[in-house]
Amino acid sequence: MKIKLDENMPVELADVLAQLGHDADTVPREGLAGKDDAAVWDATQSAGRLLVTQDLDFRDSRRFRPGTHHGLVLVRLKNAGRQQLIDRVTTVFEREAVDTWPACFVVVSPDRVRVRRPTS
């Protein structure tokens, strides 16, 4: 799966996801750090990547309706330190059927993964 990690995600996750077989890139590596959300979103969509972010500007599933994009994963952890983010996202990508997530709106919380799929 092609993935882009937002700048609020640990860059080390790109290497972890690559070890799991994904094509993972990051906003900083692409020179998009500090750019507004629209620029990050446009670059992500142009590259055909699933965006993994903590940015609450991406929380509206009506605005980011499943089926209208290449996939969005919103990570919502309390006290989300670097290691907690790495551990949770790694666990999710190891255990969940993430290959079915293109075009989906996914919310990852400490104890749950909610996947909203496109409707026919």
C-alpha atoms as a PDB file:
ATOM      1  CA  MET A   1       0.000   0.000   0.000  1.00  0.00           C
ATOM      2  CA  LYS A   2       1.160   3.530  -0.747  1.00  0.00           C
ATOM      3  CA  ILE A   3       1.150   5.628   2.439  1.00  0.00           C
ATOM      4  CA  LYS A   4       2.036   9.208   3.352  1.00  0.00           C
ATOM      5  CA  LEU A   5       2.692  10.062   6.988  1.00  0.00           C
ATOM      6  CA  ASP A   6       1.729  13.582   8.000  1.00  0.00           C
ATOM      7  CA  GLU A   7       4.340  15.683   9.774  1.00  0.00           C
ATOM      8  CA  ASN A   8       2.640  15.030  13.127  1.00  0.00           C
ATOM      9  CA  MET A   9       3.503  11.330  12.857  1.00  0.00           C
ATOM     10  CA  PRO A  10       6.953   9.979  13.809  1.00  0.00           C
ATOM     11  CA  VAL A  11       9.128   9.720  10.692  1.00  0.00           C
ATOM     12  CA  GLU A  12      10.449   6.378  11.990  1.00  0.00           C
ATOM     13  CA  LEU A  13       7.066   4.914  11.132  1.00  0.00           C
ATOM     14  CA  ALA A  14       7.948   5.118   7.437  1.00  0.00           C
ATOM     15  CA  ASP A  15      10.730   2.576   7.964  1.00  0.00           C
ATOM     16  CA  VAL A  16       8.510   0.358  10.123  1.00  0.00           C
ATOM     17  CA  LEU A  17       5.748   0.386   7.506  1.00  0.00           C
ATOM     18  CA  ALA A  18       8.274  -0.293   4.747  1.00  0.00           C
ATOM     19  CA  GLN A  19       9.450  -3.366   6.681  1.00  0.00           C
ATOM     20  CA  LEU A  20       5.814  -4.513   6.671  1.00  0.00           C
ATOM     21  CA  GLY A  21       5.804  -4.245   2.867  1.00  0.00           C
ATOM     22  CA  HIS A  22       4.300  -0.799   2.356  1.00  0.00           C
ATOM     23  CA  ASP A  23       5.561   2.089   0.232  1.00  0.00           C
ATOM     24  CA  ALA A  24       5.688   4.718   2.983  1.00  0.00           C
ATOM     25  CA  ASP A  25       6.710   8.337   2.547  1.00  0.00           C
ATOM     26  CA  THR A  26       6.506  11.335   4.863  1.00  0.00           C
ATOM     27  CA  VAL A  27       5.449  14.938   4.534  1.00  0.00           C
ATOM     28  CA  PRO A  28       8.898  16.179   5.698  1.00  0.00           C
ATOM     29  CA  ARG A  29      10.772  13.945   3.233  1.00  0.00           C
ATOM     30  CA  GLU A  30       8.707  15.386   0.405  1.00  0.00           C
ATOM     31  CA  GLY A  31       9.454  18.970   1.448  1.00  0.00           C
ATOM     32  CA  LEU A  32       5.876  19.616   2.539  1.00  0.00           C
ATOM     33  CA  ALA A  33       6.566  20.293   6.234  1.00  0.00           C
ATOM     34  CA  GLY A  34       4.867  23.491   7.312  1.00  0.00           C
ATOM     35  CA  LYS A  35       2.580  23.559   4.270  1.00  0.00           C
ATOM     36  CA  ASP A  36      -1.130  23.986   4.830  1.00  0.00           C
ATOM     37  CA  ASP A  37      -3.467  21.002   5.005  1.00  0.00           C
ATOM     38  CA  ALA A  38      -4.792  21.580   1.482  1.00  0.00           C
ATOM     39  CA  ALA A  39      -1.289  21.316   0.002  1.00  0.00           C
ATOM     40  CA  VAL A  40      -0.567  18.133   1.973  1.00  0.00           C
ATOM     41  CA  TRP A  41      -3.911  16.630   0.970  1.00  0.00           C
ATOM     42  CA  ASP A  42      -3.453  17.536  -2.704  1.00  0.00           C
ATOM     43  CA  ALA A  43       0.053  16.043  -2.775  1.00  0.00           C
ATOM     44  CA  THR A  44      -1.194  12.897  -1.047  1.00  0.00           C
ATOM     45  CA  GLN A  45      -4.034  12.472  -3.515  1.00  0.00           C
ATOM     46  CA  SER A  46      -1.826  13.225  -6.538  1.00  0.00           C
ATOM     47  CA  ALA A  47       0.539  10.484  -5.400  1.00  0.00           C
ATOM     48  CA  GLY A  48      -2.330   8.034  -4.820  1.00  0.00           C
ATOM     49  CA  ARG A  49      -1.418   7.563  -1.172  1.00  0.00           C
ATOM     50  CA  LEU A  50      -3.359   6.876   2.016  1.00  0.00           C
ATOM     51  CA  LEU A  51      -2.755   9.707   4.506  1.00  0.00           C
ATOM     52  CA  VAL A  52      -1.994   8.827   8.139  1.00  0.00           C
ATOM     53  CA  THR A  53      -2.403  11.834  10.431  1.00  0.00           C
ATOM     54  CA  GLN A  54      -3.378  13.112  13.869  1.00  0.00           C
ATOM     55  CA  ASP A  55      -4.549  16.436  12.434  1.00  0.00           C
ATOM     56  CA  LEU A  56      -8.126  17.076  13.549  1.00  0.00           C
ATOM     57  CA  ASP A  57      -8.692  19.213  10.452  1.00  0.00           C
ATOM     58  CA  PHE A  58      -9.156  15.838   8.718  1.00  0.00           C
ATOM     59  CA  ARG A  59     -11.770  14.525  11.176  1.00  0.00           C
ATOM     60  CA  ASP A  60     -14.909  15.367   9.178  1.00  0.00           C
ATOM     61  CA  SER A  61     -15.942  12.151   7.430  1.00  0.00           C
ATOM     62  CA  ARG A  62     -18.527  14.103   5.424  1.00  0.00           C
ATOM     63  CA  ARG A  63     -15.838  16.338   3.951  1.00  0.00           C
ATOM     64  CA  PHE A  64     -13.519  13.361   3.435  1.00  0.00           C
ATOM     65  CA  ARG A  65     -16.318  11.016   2.409  1.00  0.00           C
ATOM     66  CA  PRO A  66     -15.190   7.432   1.776  1.00  0.00           C
ATOM     67  CA  GLY A  67     -14.800   6.769  -1.918  1.00  0.00           C
ATOM     68  CA  THR A  68     -13.728  10.320  -2.774  1.00  0.00           C
ATOM     69  CA  HIS A  69     -10.024   9.895  -1.977  1.00  0.00           C
ATOM     70  CA  HIS A  70      -7.214   7.338  -1.707  1.00  0.00           C
ATOM     71  CA  GLY A  71      -7.740   6.754   2.007  1.00  0.00           C
ATOM     72  CA  LEU A  72      -7.414   8.603   5.279  1.00  0.00           C
ATOM     73  CA  VAL A  73      -6.352   7.242   8.674  1.00  0.00           C
ATOM     74  CA  LEU A  74      -6.948   9.557  11.618  1.00  0.00           C
ATOM     75  CA  VAL A  75      -5.017   8.462  14.707  1.00  0.00           C
ATOM     76  CA  ARG A  76      -6.671   9.557  17.967  1.00  0.00           C
ATOM     77  CA  LEU A  77      -4.638   8.627  21.040  1.00  0.00           C
ATOM     78  CA  LYS A  78      -4.665  10.283  24.447  1.00  0.00           C
ATOM     79  CA  ASN A  79      -1.203  11.436  25.494  1.00  0.00           C
ATOM     80  CA  ALA A  80       0.173  10.407  22.123  1.00  0.00           C
ATOM     81  CA  GLY A  81       3.919  10.394  22.570  1.00  0.00           C
ATOM     82  CA  ARG A  82       6.256   9.319  19.801  1.00  0.00           C
ATOM     83  CA  GLN A  83       6.624   5.734  21.032  1.00  0.00           C
ATOM     84  CA  GLN A  84       2.890   5.306  21.689  1.00  0.00           C
ATOM     85  CA  LEU A  85       2.149   6.403  18.120  1.00  0.00           C
ATOM     86  CA  ILE A  86       4.760   4.061  16.675  1.00  0.00           C
ATOM     87  CA  ASP A  87       3.496   1.134  18.745  1.00  0.00           C
ATOM     88  CA  ARG A  88      -0.202   1.668  18.007  1.00  0.00           C
ATOM     89  CA  VAL A  89       0.164   2.308  14.279  1.00  0.00           C
ATOM     90  CA  THR A  90       2.539  -0.649  13.931  1.00  0.00           C
ATOM     91  CA  THR A  91       0.089  -2.939  15.723  1.00  0.00           C
ATOM     92  CA  VAL A  92      -2.781  -1.758  13.544  1.00  0.00           C
ATOM     93  CA  PHE A  93      -0.835  -2.257  10.316  1.00  0.00           C
ATOM     94  CA  GLU A  94       0.260  -5.724  11.464  1.00  0.00           C
ATOM     95  CA  ARG A  95      -3.179  -6.952  12.568  1.00  0.00           C
ATOM     96  CA  GLU A  96      -5.785  -5.197  10.443  1.00  0.00           C
ATOM     97  CA  ALA A  97      -6.700  -5.761   6.781  1.00  0.00           C
ATOM     98  CA  VAL A  98      -5.161  -2.436   5.780  1.00  0.00           C
ATOM     99  CA  ASP A  99      -4.982  -3.509   2.146  1.00  0.00           C
ATOM    100  CA  THR A 100      -8.778  -2.975   2.078  1.00  0.00           C
ATOM    101  CA  TRP A 101      -8.483   0.635   3.260  1.00  0.00           C
ATOM    102  CA  PRO A 102      -7.940   2.555  -0.009  1.00  0.00           C
ATOM    103  CA  ALA A 103     -10.844   5.021  -0.351  1.00  0.00           C
ATOM    104  CA  CYS A 104     -11.829   4.458   3.312  1.00  0.00           C
ATOM    105  CA  PHE A 105     -12.019   6.842   6.261  1.00  0.00           C
ATOM    106  CA  VAL A 106     -10.385   5.106   9.238  1.00  0.00           C
ATOM    107  CA  VAL A 107     -10.201   6.230  12.855  1.00  0.00           C
ATOM    108  CA  VAL A 108      -7.626   4.531  15.083  1.00  0.00           C
ATOM    109  CA  SER A 109      -8.130   4.935  18.819  1.00  0.00           C
ATOM    110  CA  PRO A 110      -6.307   3.249  21.717  1.00  0.00           C
ATOM    111  CA  ASP A 111      -8.580   0.203  21.749  1.00  0.00           C
ATOM    112  CA  ARG A 112     -10.465   0.280  18.483  1.00  0.00           C
ATOM    113  CA  VAL A 113     -10.232   0.731  14.723  1.00  0.00           C
ATOM    114  CA  ARG A 114     -13.312   2.107  12.957  1.00  0.00           C
ATOM    115  CA  VAL A 115     -13.388   1.788   9.169  1.00  0.00           C
ATOM    116  CA  ARG A 116     -15.902   3.704   7.088  1.00  0.00           C
ATOM    117  CA  ARG A 117     -16.048   2.247   3.602  1.00  0.00           C
ATOM    118  CA  PRO A 118     -17.423   3.746   0.394  1.00  0.00           C
ATOM    119  CA  THR A 119     -21.089   3.091  -0.181  1.00  0.00           C
ATOM    120  CA  SER A 120     -22.244   1.704  -3.472  1.00  0.00           C
END
